[in-house]
Every structure is written in C-alpha cells, then in structure tokens.
Amino acid sequence: MFSERLKTLRNEKGLTQQDIADILGIGRATVAGYETKGKQPDYEKLTLLADYFNVSTDYLLGRTDQRKPCSTDKPITKAYHNLDAEGLSDEDIEKVEEYIRLLKMKYHPDGTLKK
C-alpha cells in the first residue's frame, strides 16, 4: 500500500524518483525500492514525506483513505495566522505552505544547507 501511495503522490506533483531522493537525502535506488520492492522508510523519512505531500502518515501507510487527519473550512496553519492571508485562496495558502515545507527540508535546524 505504501508503495502505491508514494508513487501516486509523486506522480500527482510531477516529481521524479530522483526529486524524492533529493528531498529525503537518499539515493534514487532507495526510492525505487520504496515503490517497487516493498521497502519502507524509517520514521524520520516517513514523516518528511507526509509533511511534504501534506498527508498523514496513516494515509501513506494505508491505514486510512483520508489524506488529512481532519478537514476544516479554512486551513489553520502558521502561514495563515502569521501572514496577512485573508483574501488568499486555499490554493495560494497551500503553495505558501509547500514552500515552507521545502525550506524546512532544505535547511538543518542550525540553519546550515543540507548537502
């Protein structure tokens, strides 16, 4: 189930296996193993994937078909609260949140660039 969900989410965003590998800091062959050989990521990588795709880990693991744990009429996020997000569409807010997720993955907590 995980392999199918990862591949579907990756394809929905138009990403390659190498793109996912770069995001996770692993080799492309490992991502291929996730998608075809039944390999599973460790907890840290699983949560990175869930955060990146904005889905729950339960969804990734096939424990639920609901992508997000709960839904609300308006997204309640740091981006929404900390920015003057009023008047932005849900799609625009999602783009801001995706950019924030990318930045978080790009930098270590100490602010150094991941290699």
PDB file of N, CA and C in Angstrom:
ATOM      1  N   MET A   1       0.822  -1.183   0.000  1.00  0.00           N
ATOM      2  CA  MET A   1       0.000   0.000   0.000  1.00  0.00           C
ATOM      3  C   MET A   1       0.870   1.253   0.000  1.00  0.00           C
ATOM      4  N   PHE A   2       1.925   1.297   0.863  1.00  0.00           N
ATOM      5  CA  PHE A   2       2.796   2.456   0.918  1.00  0.00           C
ATOM      6  C   PHE A   2       3.387   2.754  -0.459  1.00  0.00           C
ATOM      7  N   SER A   3       3.843   1.722  -1.132  1.00  0.00           N
ATOM      8  CA  SER A   3       4.483   1.920  -2.439  1.00  0.00           C
ATOM      9  C   SER A   3       3.530   2.580  -3.434  1.00  0.00           C
ATOM     10  N   GLU A   4       2.282   2.128  -3.450  1.00  0.00           N
ATOM     11  CA  GLU A   4       1.292   2.708  -4.367  1.00  0.00           C
ATOM     12  C   GLU A   4       0.994   4.154  -4.013  1.00  0.00           C
ATOM     13  N   ARG A   5       0.856   4.435  -2.730  1.00  0.00           N
ATOM     14  CA  ARG A   5       0.533   5.797  -2.289  1.00  0.00           C
ATOM     15  C   ARG A   5       1.680   6.756  -2.622  1.00  0.00           C
ATOM     16  N   LEU A   6       2.908   6.327  -2.362  1.00  0.00           N
ATOM     17  CA  LEU A   6       4.059   7.184  -2.650  1.00  0.00           C
ATOM     18  C   LEU A   6       4.145   7.481  -4.139  1.00  0.00           C
ATOM     19  N   LYS A   7       3.998   6.464  -4.949  1.00  0.00           N
ATOM     20  CA  LYS A   7       4.086   6.651  -6.397  1.00  0.00           C
ATOM     21  C   LYS A   7       2.971   7.575  -6.898  1.00  0.00           C
ATOM     22  N   THR A   8       1.766   7.381  -6.398  1.00  0.00           N
ATOM     23  CA  THR A   8       0.638   8.225  -6.802  1.00  0.00           C
ATOM     24  C   THR A   8       0.881   9.677  -6.422  1.00  0.00           C
ATOM     25  N   LEU A   9       1.286   9.910  -5.184  1.00  0.00           N
ATOM     26  CA  LEU A   9       1.540  11.277  -4.725  1.00  0.00           C
ATOM     27  C   LEU A   9       2.679  11.924  -5.522  1.00  0.00           C
ATOM     28  N   ARG A  10       3.719  11.155  -5.766  1.00  0.00           N
ATOM     29  CA  ARG A  10       4.861  11.664  -6.541  1.00  0.00           C
ATOM     30  C   ARG A  10       4.413  12.061  -7.942  1.00  0.00           C
ATOM     31  N   ASN A  11       3.635  11.202  -8.587  1.00  0.00           N
ATOM     32  CA  ASN A  11       3.166  11.487  -9.947  1.00  0.00           C
ATOM     33  C   ASN A  11       2.203  12.671  -9.981  1.00  0.00           C
ATOM     34  N   GLU A  12       1.363  12.807  -8.954  1.00  0.00           N
ATOM     35  CA  GLU A  12       0.430  13.941  -8.894  1.00  0.00           C
ATOM     36  C   GLU A  12       1.171  15.273  -8.882  1.00  0.00           C
ATOM     37  N   LYS A  13       2.347  15.299  -8.267  1.00  0.00           N
ATOM     38  CA  LYS A  13       3.139  16.528  -8.203  1.00  0.00           C
ATOM     39  C   LYS A  13       4.119  16.635  -9.373  1.00  0.00           C
ATOM     40  N   GLY A  14       4.146  15.618 -10.231  1.00  0.00           N
ATOM     41  CA  GLY A  14       5.056  15.649 -11.378  1.00  0.00           C
ATOM     42  C   GLY A  14       6.521  15.513 -10.983  1.00  0.00           C
ATOM     43  N   LEU A  15       6.772  14.764  -9.916  1.00  0.00           N
ATOM     44  CA  LEU A  15       8.134  14.588  -9.422  1.00  0.00           C
ATOM     45  C   LEU A  15       8.726  13.276  -9.912  1.00  0.00           C
ATOM     46  N   THR A  16      10.034  13.252 -10.009  1.00  0.00           N
ATOM     47  CA  THR A  16      10.740  12.017 -10.351  1.00  0.00           C
ATOM     48  C   THR A  16      11.180  11.322  -9.069  1.00  0.00           C
ATOM     49  N   GLN A  17      11.617  10.084  -9.206  1.00  0.00           N
ATOM     50  CA  GLN A  17      12.166   9.386  -8.045  1.00  0.00           C
ATOM     51  C   GLN A  17      13.395  10.135  -7.529  1.00  0.00           C
ATOM     52  N   GLN A  18      14.166  10.729  -8.436  1.00  0.00           N
ATOM     53  CA  GLN A  18      15.343  11.488  -8.021  1.00  0.00           C
ATOM     54  C   GLN A  18      14.944  12.716  -7.208  1.00  0.00           C
ATOM     55  N   ASP A  19      13.841  13.358  -7.581  1.00  0.00           N
ATOM     56  CA  ASP A  19      13.353  14.502  -6.804  1.00  0.00           C
ATOM     57  C   ASP A  19      13.068  14.091  -5.361  1.00  0.00           C
ATOM     58  N   ILE A  20      12.391  12.956  -5.196  1.00  0.00           N
ATOM     59  CA  ILE A  20      12.070  12.465  -3.855  1.00  0.00           C
ATOM     60  C   ILE A  20      13.355  12.106  -3.114  1.00  0.00           C
ATOM     61  N   ALA A  21      14.275  11.485  -3.810  1.00  0.00           N
ATOM     62  CA  ALA A  21      15.561  11.124  -3.207  1.00  0.00           C
ATOM     63  C   ALA A  21      16.277  12.373  -2.703  1.00  0.00           C
ATOM     64  N   ASP A  22      16.271  13.429  -3.489  1.00  0.00           N
ATOM     65  CA  ASP A  22      16.923  14.677  -3.089  1.00  0.00           C
ATOM     66  C   ASP A  22      16.247  15.285  -1.858  1.00  0.00           C
ATOM     67  N   ILE A  23      14.926  15.253  -1.829  1.00  0.00           N
ATOM     68  CA  ILE A  23      14.183  15.792  -0.688  1.00  0.00           C
ATOM     69  C   ILE A  23      14.527  15.022   0.584  1.00  0.00           C
ATOM     70  N   LEU A  24      14.655  13.695   0.464  1.00  0.00           N
ATOM     71  CA  LEU A  24      14.907  12.850   1.631  1.00  0.00           C
ATOM     72  C   LEU A  24      16.395  12.690   1.952  1.00  0.00           C
ATOM     73  N   GLY A  25      17.269  13.092   1.023  1.00  0.00           N
ATOM     74  CA  GLY A  25      18.700  12.924   1.227  1.00  0.00           C
ATOM     75  C   GLY A  25      19.147  11.481   1.123  1.00  0.00           C
ATOM     76  N   ILE A  26      18.530  10.752   0.192  1.00  0.00           N
ATOM     77  CA  ILE A  26      18.856   9.335  -0.018  1.00  0.00           C
ATOM     78  C   ILE A  26      19.098   9.105  -1.508  1.00  0.00           C
ATOM     79  N   GLY A  27      19.461   7.890  -1.869  1.00  0.00           N
ATOM     80  CA  GLY A  27      19.680   7.560  -3.269  1.00  0.00           C
ATOM     81  C   GLY A  27      18.379   7.262  -4.009  1.00  0.00           C
ATOM     82  N   ARG A  28      18.394   7.477  -5.315  1.00  0.00           N
ATOM     83  CA  ARG A  28      17.220   7.208  -6.136  1.00  0.00           C
ATOM     84  C   ARG A  28      16.832   5.735  -6.065  1.00  0.00           C
ATOM     85  N   ALA A  29      17.815   4.854  -5.983  1.00  0.00           N
ATOM     86  CA  ALA A  29      17.522   3.415  -5.921  1.00  0.00           C
ATOM     87  C   ALA A  29      16.709   3.067  -4.672  1.00  0.00           C
ATOM     88  N   THR A  30      16.935   3.789  -3.599  1.00  0.00           N
ATOM     89  CA  THR A  30      16.162   3.557  -2.373  1.00  0.00           C
ATOM     90  C   THR A  30      14.705   3.928  -2.593  1.00  0.00           C
ATOM     91  N   VAL A  31      14.476   5.048  -3.281  1.00  0.00           N
ATOM     92  CA  VAL A  31      13.095   5.453  -3.592  1.00  0.00           C
ATOM     93  C   VAL A  31      12.446   4.406  -4.500  1.00  0.00           C
ATOM     94  N   ALA A  32      13.201   3.920  -5.479  1.00  0.00           N
ATOM     95  CA  ALA A  32      12.682   2.866  -6.358  1.00  0.00           C
ATOM     96  C   ALA A  32      12.303   1.634  -5.534  1.00  0.00           C
ATOM     97  N   GLY A  33      13.100   1.323  -4.527  1.00  0.00           N
ATOM     98  CA  GLY A  33      12.789   0.204  -3.635  1.00  0.00           C
ATOM     99  C   GLY A  33      11.511   0.436  -2.852  1.00  0.00           C
ATOM    100  N   TYR A  34      11.281   1.686  -2.455  1.00  0.00           N
ATOM    101  CA  TYR A  34      10.037   2.025  -1.762  1.00  0.00           C
ATOM    102  C   TYR A  34       8.842   1.768  -2.677  1.00  0.00           C
ATOM    103  N   GLU A  35       9.008   2.081  -3.959  1.00  0.00           N
ATOM    104  CA  GLU A  35       7.881   1.995  -4.892  1.00  0.00           C
ATOM    105  C   GLU A  35       7.681   0.612  -5.498  1.00  0.00           C
ATOM    106  N   THR A  36       8.704  -0.213  -5.520  1.00  0.00           N
ATOM    107  CA  THR A  36       8.559  -1.489  -6.226  1.00  0.00           C
ATOM    108  C   THR A  36       8.946  -2.729  -5.437  1.00  0.00           C
ATOM    109  N   LYS A  37       9.794  -2.592  -4.431  1.00  0.00           N
ATOM    110  CA  LYS A  37      10.314  -3.779  -3.760  1.00  0.00           C
ATOM    111  C   LYS A  37       9.815  -3.958  -2.338  1.00  0.00           C
ATOM    112  N   GLY A  38       8.812  -3.195  -1.952  1.00  0.00           N
ATOM    113  CA  GLY A  38       8.241  -3.360  -0.622  1.00  0.00           C
ATOM    114  C   GLY A  38       9.086  -2.790   0.501  1.00  0.00           C
ATOM    115  N   LYS A  39      10.124  -2.032   0.188  1.00  0.00           N
ATOM    116  CA  LYS A  39      10.925  -1.409   1.242  1.00  0.00           C
ATOM    117  C   LYS A  39      10.132  -0.264   1.851  1.00  0.00           C
ATOM    118  N   GLN A  40      10.404   0.008   3.114  1.00  0.00           N
ATOM    119  CA  GLN A  40       9.699   1.083   3.811  1.00  0.00           C
ATOM    120  C   GLN A  40      10.730   2.032   4.418  1.00  0.00           C
ATOM    121  N   PRO A  41      10.412   3.315   4.423  1.00  0.00           N
ATOM    122  CA  PRO A  41      11.342   4.287   5.008  1.00  0.00           C
ATOM    123  C   PRO A  41      11.315   4.220   6.530  1.00  0.00           C
ATOM    124  N   ASP A  42      12.371   4.759   7.140  1.00  0.00           N
ATOM    125  CA  ASP A  42      12.361   4.877   8.592  1.00  0.00           C
ATOM    126  C   ASP A  42      11.382   5.983   8.987  1.00  0.00           C
ATOM    127  N   TYR A  43      11.170   6.128  10.283  1.00  0.00           N
ATOM    128  CA  TYR A  43      10.174   7.074  10.794  1.00  0.00           C
ATOM    129  C   TYR A  43      10.456   8.501  10.324  1.00  0.00           C
ATOM    130  N   GLU A  44      11.707   8.918  10.394  1.00  0.00           N
ATOM    131  CA  GLU A  44      12.065  10.289  10.007  1.00  0.00           C
ATOM    132  C   GLU A  44      11.709  10.560   8.545  1.00  0.00           C
ATOM    133  N   LYS A  45      12.026   9.640   7.675  1.00  0.00           N
ATOM    134  CA  LYS A  45      11.751   9.830   6.251  1.00  0.00           C
ATOM    135  C   LYS A  45      10.244   9.748   5.970  1.00  0.00           C
ATOM    136  N   LEU A  46       9.561   8.879   6.686  1.00  0.00           N
ATOM    137  CA  LEU A  46       8.111   8.768   6.538  1.00  0.00           C
ATOM    138  C   LEU A  46       7.441  10.098   6.904  1.00  0.00           C
ATOM    139  N   THR A  47       7.871  10.698   8.006  1.00  0.00           N
ATOM    140  CA  THR A  47       7.263  11.965   8.407  1.00  0.00           C
ATOM    141  C   THR A  47       7.636  13.093   7.455  1.00  0.00           C
ATOM    142  N   LEU A  48       8.856  13.071   6.899  1.00  0.00           N
ATOM    143  CA  LEU A  48       9.229  14.064   5.892  1.00  0.00           C
ATOM    144  C   LEU A  48       8.319  13.954   4.670  1.00  0.00           C
ATOM    145  N   LEU A  49       8.060  12.720   4.237  1.00  0.00           N
ATOM    146  CA  LEU A  49       7.171  12.513   3.097  1.00  0.00           C
ATOM    147  C   LEU A  49       5.755  12.993   3.407  1.00  0.00           C
ATOM    148  N   ALA A  50       5.263  12.658   4.581  1.00  0.00           N
ATOM    149  CA  ALA A  50       3.915  13.087   4.963  1.00  0.00           C
ATOM    150  C   ALA A  50       3.829  14.607   4.989  1.00  0.00           C
ATOM    151  N   ASP A  51       4.834  15.257   5.562  1.00  0.00           N
ATOM    152  CA  ASP A  51       4.843  16.721   5.604  1.00  0.00           C
ATOM    153  C   ASP A  51       4.930  17.311   4.202  1.00  0.00           C
ATOM    154  N   TYR A  52       5.797  16.753   3.382  1.00  0.00           N
ATOM    155  CA  TYR A  52       5.974  17.289   2.030  1.00  0.00           C
ATOM    156  C   TYR A  52       4.677  17.190   1.217  1.00  0.00           C
ATOM    157  N   PHE A  53       4.034  16.025   1.279  1.00  0.00           N
ATOM    158  CA  PHE A  53       2.817  15.815   0.491  1.00  0.00           C
ATOM    159  C   PHE A  53       1.554  16.284   1.215  1.00  0.00           C
ATOM    160  N   ASN A  54       1.729  16.764   2.445  1.00  0.00           N
ATOM    161  CA  ASN A  54       0.609  17.265   3.240  1.00  0.00           C
ATOM    162  C   ASN A  54      -0.469  16.192   3.427  1.00  0.00           C
ATOM    163  N   VAL A  55      -0.017  15.016   3.802  1.00  0.00           N
ATOM    164  CA  VAL A  55      -0.910  13.901   4.121  1.00  0.00           C
ATOM    165  C   VAL A  55      -0.486  13.340   5.469  1.00  0.00           C
ATOM    166  N   SER A  56      -1.323  12.498   6.043  1.00  0.00           N
ATOM    167  CA  SER A  56      -0.961  11.862   7.309  1.00  0.00           C
ATOM    168  C   SER A  56      -0.071  10.647   7.050  1.00  0.00           C
ATOM    169  N   THR A  57       0.696  10.273   8.061  1.00  0.00           N
ATOM    170  CA  THR A  57       1.487   9.046   7.936  1.00  0.00           C
ATOM    171  C   THR A  57       0.556   7.838   7.829  1.00  0.00           C
ATOM    172  N   ASP A  58      -0.598   7.898   8.483  1.00  0.00           N
ATOM    173  CA  ASP A  58      -1.571   6.808   8.359  1.00  0.00           C
ATOM    174  C   ASP A  58      -2.017   6.639   6.913  1.00  0.00           C
ATOM    175  N   TYR A  59      -2.202   7.753   6.211  1.00  0.00           N
ATOM    176  CA  TYR A  59      -2.573   7.653   4.796  1.00  0.00           C
ATOM    177  C   TYR A  59      -1.449   6.996   4.000  1.00  0.00           C
ATOM    178  N   LEU A  60      -0.217   7.443   4.217  1.00  0.00           N
ATOM    179  CA  LEU A  60       0.913   6.858   3.486  1.00  0.00           C
ATOM    180  C   LEU A  60       1.028   5.356   3.727  1.00  0.00           C
ATOM    181  N   LEU A  61       0.753   4.945   4.951  1.00  0.00           N
ATOM    182  CA  LEU A  61       0.894   3.529   5.299  1.00  0.00           C
ATOM    183  C   LEU A  61      -0.336   2.693   4.960  1.00  0.00           C
ATOM    184  N   GLY A  62      -1.368   3.341   4.430  1.00  0.00           N
ATOM    185  CA  GLY A  62      -2.559   2.606   4.031  1.00  0.00           C
ATOM    186  C   GLY A  62      -3.517   2.303   5.169  1.00  0.00           C
ATOM    187  N   ARG A  63      -3.354   2.972   6.298  1.00  0.00           N
ATOM    188  CA  ARG A  63      -4.233   2.735   7.444  1.00  0.00           C
ATOM    189  C   ARG A  63      -5.541   3.495   7.326  1.00  0.00           C
ATOM    190  N   THR A  64      -5.579   4.497   6.433  1.00  0.00           N
ATOM    191  CA  THR A  64      -6.790   5.255   6.175  1.00  0.00           C
ATOM    192  C   THR A  64      -6.766   5.734   4.733  1.00  0.00           C
ATOM    193  N   ASP A  65      -7.935   5.967   4.191  1.00  0.00           N
ATOM    194  CA  ASP A  65      -8.021   6.528   2.844  1.00  0.00           C
ATOM    195  C   ASP A  65      -8.165   8.046   2.878  1.00  0.00           C
ATOM    196  N   GLN A  66      -8.283   8.598   4.068  1.00  0.00           N
ATOM    197  CA  GLN A  66      -8.395  10.038   4.238  1.00  0.00           C
ATOM    198  C   GLN A  66      -6.985  10.628   4.245  1.00  0.00           C
ATOM    199  N   ARG A  67      -6.708  11.504   3.289  1.00  0.00           N
ATOM    200  CA  ARG A  67      -5.358  12.044   3.165  1.00  0.00           C
ATOM    201  C   ARG A  67      -4.936  12.878   4.362  1.00  0.00           C
ATOM    202  N   LYS A  68      -5.844  13.687   4.859  1.00  0.00           N
ATOM    203  CA  LYS A  68      -5.534  14.530   6.006  1.00  0.00           C
ATOM    204  C   LYS A  68      -6.326  14.030   7.203  1.00  0.00           C
ATOM    205  N   PRO A  69      -5.758  14.145   8.400  1.00  0.00           N
ATOM    206  CA  PRO A  69      -6.451  13.616   9.572  1.00  0.00           C
ATOM    207  C   PRO A  69      -7.799  14.274   9.841  1.00  0.00           C
ATOM    208  N   CYS A  70      -7.925  15.543   9.540  1.00  0.00           N
ATOM    209  CA  CYS A  70      -9.209  16.212   9.710  1.00  0.00           C
ATOM    210  C   CYS A  70      -9.257  17.369   8.723  1.00  0.00           C
ATOM    211  N   SER A  71     -10.445  17.772   8.387  1.00  0.00           N
ATOM    212  CA  SER A  71     -10.547  18.885   7.454  1.00  0.00           C
ATOM    213  C   SER A  71     -11.369  19.984   8.092  1.00  0.00           C
ATOM    214  N   THR A  72     -11.050  21.201   7.703  1.00  0.00           N
ATOM    215  CA  THR A  72     -11.779  22.359   8.193  1.00  0.00           C
ATOM    216  C   THR A  72     -12.158  23.206   6.987  1.00  0.00           C
ATOM    217  N   ASP A  73     -13.042  24.149   7.210  1.00  0.00           N
ATOM    218  CA  ASP A  73     -13.429  25.031   6.114  1.00  0.00           C
ATOM    219  C   ASP A  73     -12.272  25.902   5.660  1.00  0.00           C
ATOM    220  N   LYS A  74     -11.481  26.379   6.574  1.00  0.00           N
ATOM    221  CA  LYS A  74     -10.327  27.215   6.270  1.00  0.00           C
ATOM    222  C   LYS A  74      -9.086  26.532   6.822  1.00  0.00           C
ATOM    223  N   PRO A  75      -7.982  26.562   6.101  1.00  0.00           N
ATOM    224  CA  PRO A  75      -6.762  25.980   6.648  1.00  0.00           C
ATOM    225  C   PRO A  75      -6.292  26.772   7.869  1.00  0.00           C
ATOM    226  N   ILE A  76      -5.946  26.070   8.921  1.00  0.00           N
ATOM    227  CA  ILE A  76      -5.454  26.708  10.131  1.00  0.00           C
ATOM    228  C   ILE A  76      -3.982  26.332  10.238  1.00  0.00           C
ATOM    229  N   THR A  77      -3.130  27.233   9.831  1.00  0.00           N
ATOM    230  CA  THR A  77      -1.696  26.963   9.774  1.00  0.00           C
ATOM    231  C   THR A  77      -0.925  28.181  10.239  1.00  0.00           C
ATOM    232  N   LYS A  78       0.375  27.980  10.464  1.00  0.00           N
ATOM    233  CA  LYS A  78       1.225  29.111  10.797  1.00  0.00           C
ATOM    234  C   LYS A  78       1.209  30.127   9.666  1.00  0.00           C
ATOM    235  N   ALA A  79       1.262  29.653   8.439  1.00  0.00           N
ATOM    236  CA  ALA A  79       1.257  30.575   7.301  1.00  0.00           C
ATOM    237  C   ALA A  79      -0.015  31.410   7.304  1.00  0.00           C
ATOM    238  N   TYR A  80      -1.125  30.806   7.631  1.00  0.00           N
ATOM    239  CA  TYR A  80      -2.398  31.511   7.625  1.00  0.00           C
ATOM    240  C   TYR A  80      -2.456  32.533   8.763  1.00  0.00           C
ATOM    241  N   HIS A  81      -1.967  32.136   9.937  1.00  0.00           N
ATOM    242  CA  HIS A  81      -2.049  33.022  11.094  1.00  0.00           C
ATOM    243  C   HIS A  81      -0.972  34.099  11.097  1.00  0.00           C
ATOM    244  N   ASN A  82       0.238  33.781  10.649  1.00  0.00           N
ATOM    245  CA  ASN A  82       1.352  34.715  10.750  1.00  0.00           C
ATOM    246  C   ASN A  82       1.434  35.686   9.583  1.00  0.00           C
ATOM    247  N   LEU A  83       0.793  35.390   8.503  1.00  0.00           N
ATOM    248  CA  LEU A  83       0.788  36.277   7.352  1.00  0.00           C
ATOM    249  C   LEU A  83      -0.594  36.888   7.216  1.00  0.00           C
ATOM    250  N   ASP A  84      -0.676  37.951   6.497  1.00  0.00           N
ATOM    251  CA  ASP A  84      -1.992  38.515   6.217  1.00  0.00           C
ATOM    252  C   ASP A  84      -2.581  37.684   5.084  1.00  0.00           C
ATOM    253  N   ALA A  85      -3.070  36.488   5.428  1.00  0.00           N
ATOM    254  CA  ALA A  85      -3.533  35.532   4.429  1.00  0.00           C
ATOM    255  C   ALA A  85      -4.991  35.727   4.057  1.00  0.00           C
ATOM    256  N   GLU A  86      -5.663  36.631   4.730  1.00  0.00           N
ATOM    257  CA  GLU A  86      -7.070  36.849   4.416  1.00  0.00           C
ATOM    258  C   GLU A  86      -7.202  37.295   2.969  1.00  0.00           C
ATOM    259  N   GLY A  87      -8.109  36.684   2.254  1.00  0.00           N
ATOM    260  CA  GLY A  87      -8.313  37.014   0.855  1.00  0.00           C
ATOM    261  C   GLY A  87      -7.558  36.096  -0.095  1.00  0.00           C
ATOM    262  N   LEU A  88      -6.608  35.313   0.431  1.00  0.00           N
ATOM    263  CA  LEU A  88      -5.905  34.349  -0.410  1.00  0.00           C
ATOM    264  C   LEU A  88      -6.767  33.098  -0.560  1.00  0.00           C
ATOM    265  N   SER A  89      -6.680  32.491  -1.711  1.00  0.00           N
ATOM    266  CA  SER A  89      -7.420  31.251  -1.917  1.00  0.00           C
ATOM    267  C   SER A  89      -6.743  30.116  -1.158  1.00  0.00           C
ATOM    268  N   ASP A  90      -7.483  29.042  -0.942  1.00  0.00           N
ATOM    269  CA  ASP A  90      -6.900  27.866  -0.297  1.00  0.00           C
ATOM    270  C   ASP A  90      -5.712  27.363  -1.106  1.00  0.00           C
ATOM    271  N   GLU A  91      -5.801  27.443  -2.429  1.00  0.00           N
ATOM    272  CA  GLU A  91      -4.699  27.005  -3.293  1.00  0.00           C
ATOM    273  C   GLU A  91      -3.461  27.862  -3.066  1.00  0.00           C
ATOM    274  N   ASP A  92      -3.628  29.179  -2.931  1.00  0.00           N
ATOM    275  CA  ASP A  92      -2.498  30.070  -2.685  1.00  0.00           C
ATOM    276  C   ASP A  92      -1.856  29.755  -1.333  1.00  0.00           C
ATOM    277  N   ILE A  93      -2.683  29.526  -0.322  1.00  0.00           N
ATOM    278  CA  ILE A  93      -2.154  29.200   1.006  1.00  0.00           C
ATOM    279  C   ILE A  93      -1.398  27.882   0.947  1.00  0.00           C
ATOM    280  N   GLU A  94      -1.925  26.911   0.212  1.00  0.00           N
ATOM    281  CA  GLU A  94      -1.239  25.628   0.062  1.00  0.00           C
ATOM    282  C   GLU A  94       0.124  25.816  -0.596  1.00  0.00           C
ATOM    283  N   LYS A  95       0.226  26.698  -1.574  1.00  0.00           N
ATOM    284  CA  LYS A  95       1.514  26.971  -2.227  1.00  0.00           C
ATOM    285  C   LYS A  95       2.513  27.561  -1.231  1.00  0.00           C
ATOM    286  N   VAL A  96       2.050  28.471  -0.389  1.00  0.00           N
ATOM    287  CA  VAL A  96       2.921  29.052   0.632  1.00  0.00           C
ATOM    288  C   VAL A  96       3.384  27.957   1.588  1.00  0.00           C
ATOM    289  N   GLU A  97       2.465  27.106   2.011  1.00  0.00           N
ATOM    290  CA  GLU A  97       2.816  26.028   2.933  1.00  0.00           C
ATOM    291  C   GLU A  97       3.784  25.041   2.291  1.00  0.00           C
ATOM    292  N   GLU A  98       3.612  24.749   1.014  1.00  0.00           N
ATOM    293  CA  GLU A  98       4.528  23.840   0.320  1.00  0.00           C
ATOM    294  C   GLU A  98       5.927  24.448   0.277  1.00  0.00           C
ATOM    295  N   TYR A  99       6.006  25.738   0.020  1.00  0.00           N
ATOM    296  CA  TYR A  99       7.306  26.411   0.002  1.00  0.00           C
ATOM    297  C   TYR A  99       7.954  26.346   1.386  1.00  0.00           C
ATOM    298  N   ILE A 100       7.175  26.537   2.429  1.00  0.00           N
ATOM    299  CA  ILE A 100       7.707  26.440   3.790  1.00  0.00           C
ATOM    300  C   ILE A 100       8.241  25.034   4.047  1.00  0.00           C
ATOM    301  N   ARG A 101       7.492  24.005   3.619  1.00  0.00           N
ATOM    302  CA  ARG A 101       7.952  22.620   3.798  1.00  0.00           C
ATOM    303  C   ARG A 101       9.261  22.386   3.066  1.00  0.00           C
ATOM    304  N   LEU A 102       9.388  22.918   1.860  1.00  0.00           N
ATOM    305  CA  LEU A 102      10.628  22.764   1.099  1.00  0.00           C
ATOM    306  C   LEU A 102      11.794  23.433   1.819  1.00  0.00           C
ATOM    307  N   LEU A 103      11.577  24.627   2.343  1.00  0.00           N
ATOM    308  CA  LEU A 103      12.633  25.318   3.075  1.00  0.00           C
ATOM    309  C   LEU A 103      13.042  24.546   4.322  1.00  0.00           C
ATOM    310  N   LYS A 104      12.066  23.976   5.031  1.00  0.00           N
ATOM    311  CA  LYS A 104      12.375  23.202   6.230  1.00  0.00           C
ATOM    312  C   LYS A 104      13.208  21.977   5.882  1.00  0.00           C
ATOM    313  N   MET A 105      12.931  21.360   4.749  1.00  0.00           N
ATOM    314  CA  MET A 105      13.690  20.194   4.338  1.00  0.00           C
ATOM    315  C   MET A 105      15.083  20.581   3.843  1.00  0.00           C
ATOM    316  N   LYS A 106      15.202  21.780   3.315  1.00  0.00           N
ATOM    317  CA  LYS A 106      16.467  22.230   2.738  1.00  0.00           C
ATOM    318  C   LYS A 106      17.490  22.567   3.813  1.00  0.00           C
ATOM    319  N   TYR A 107      17.048  23.073   4.943  1.00  0.00           N
ATOM    320  CA  TYR A 107      17.950  23.532   5.981  1.00  0.00           C
ATOM    321  C   TYR A 107      17.856  22.671   7.227  1.00  0.00           C
ATOM    322  N   HIS A 108      19.017  22.435   7.832  1.00  0.00           N
ATOM    323  CA  HIS A 108      19.054  21.775   9.140  1.00  0.00           C
ATOM    324  C   HIS A 108      18.527  22.748  10.184  1.00  0.00           C
ATOM    325  N   PRO A 109      18.173  22.249  11.359  1.00  0.00           N
ATOM    326  CA  PRO A 109      17.703  23.171  12.406  1.00  0.00           C
ATOM    327  C   PRO A 109      18.724  24.251  12.739  1.00  0.00           C
ATOM    328  N   ASP A 110      20.028  23.982  12.556  1.00  0.00           N
ATOM    329  CA  ASP A 110      21.024  25.006  12.873  1.00  0.00           C
ATOM    330  C   ASP A 110      21.218  26.003  11.730  1.00  0.00           C
ATOM    331  N   GLY A 111      20.448  25.843  10.645  1.00  0.00           N
ATOM    332  CA  GLY A 111      20.479  26.811   9.550  1.00  0.00           C
ATOM    333  C   GLY A 111      21.480  26.508   8.450  1.00  0.00           C
ATOM    334  N   THR A 112      22.214  25.399   8.569  1.00  0.00           N
ATOM    335  CA  THR A 112      23.172  25.075   7.524  1.00  0.00           C
ATOM    336  C   THR A 112      22.493  24.359   6.366  1.00  0.00           C
ATOM    337  N   LEU A 113      23.037  24.508   5.189  1.00  0.00           N
ATOM    338  CA  LEU A 113      22.473  23.910   3.979  1.00  0.00           C
ATOM    339  C   LEU A 113      22.711  22.414   3.976  1.00  0.00           C
ATOM    340  N   LYS A 114      21.673  21.643   3.668  1.00  0.00           N
ATOM    341  CA  LYS A 114      21.824  20.191   3.524  1.00  0.00           C
ATOM    342  C   LYS A 114      22.630  19.917   2.271  1.00  0.00           C
ATOM    343  N   LYS A 115      23.445  18.896   2.328  1.00  0.00           N
ATOM    344  CA  LYS A 115      24.213  18.509   1.135  1.00  0.00           C
ATOM    345  C   LYS A 115      23.740  17.198   0.613  1.00  0.00           C
TER     346      LYS A 115
END
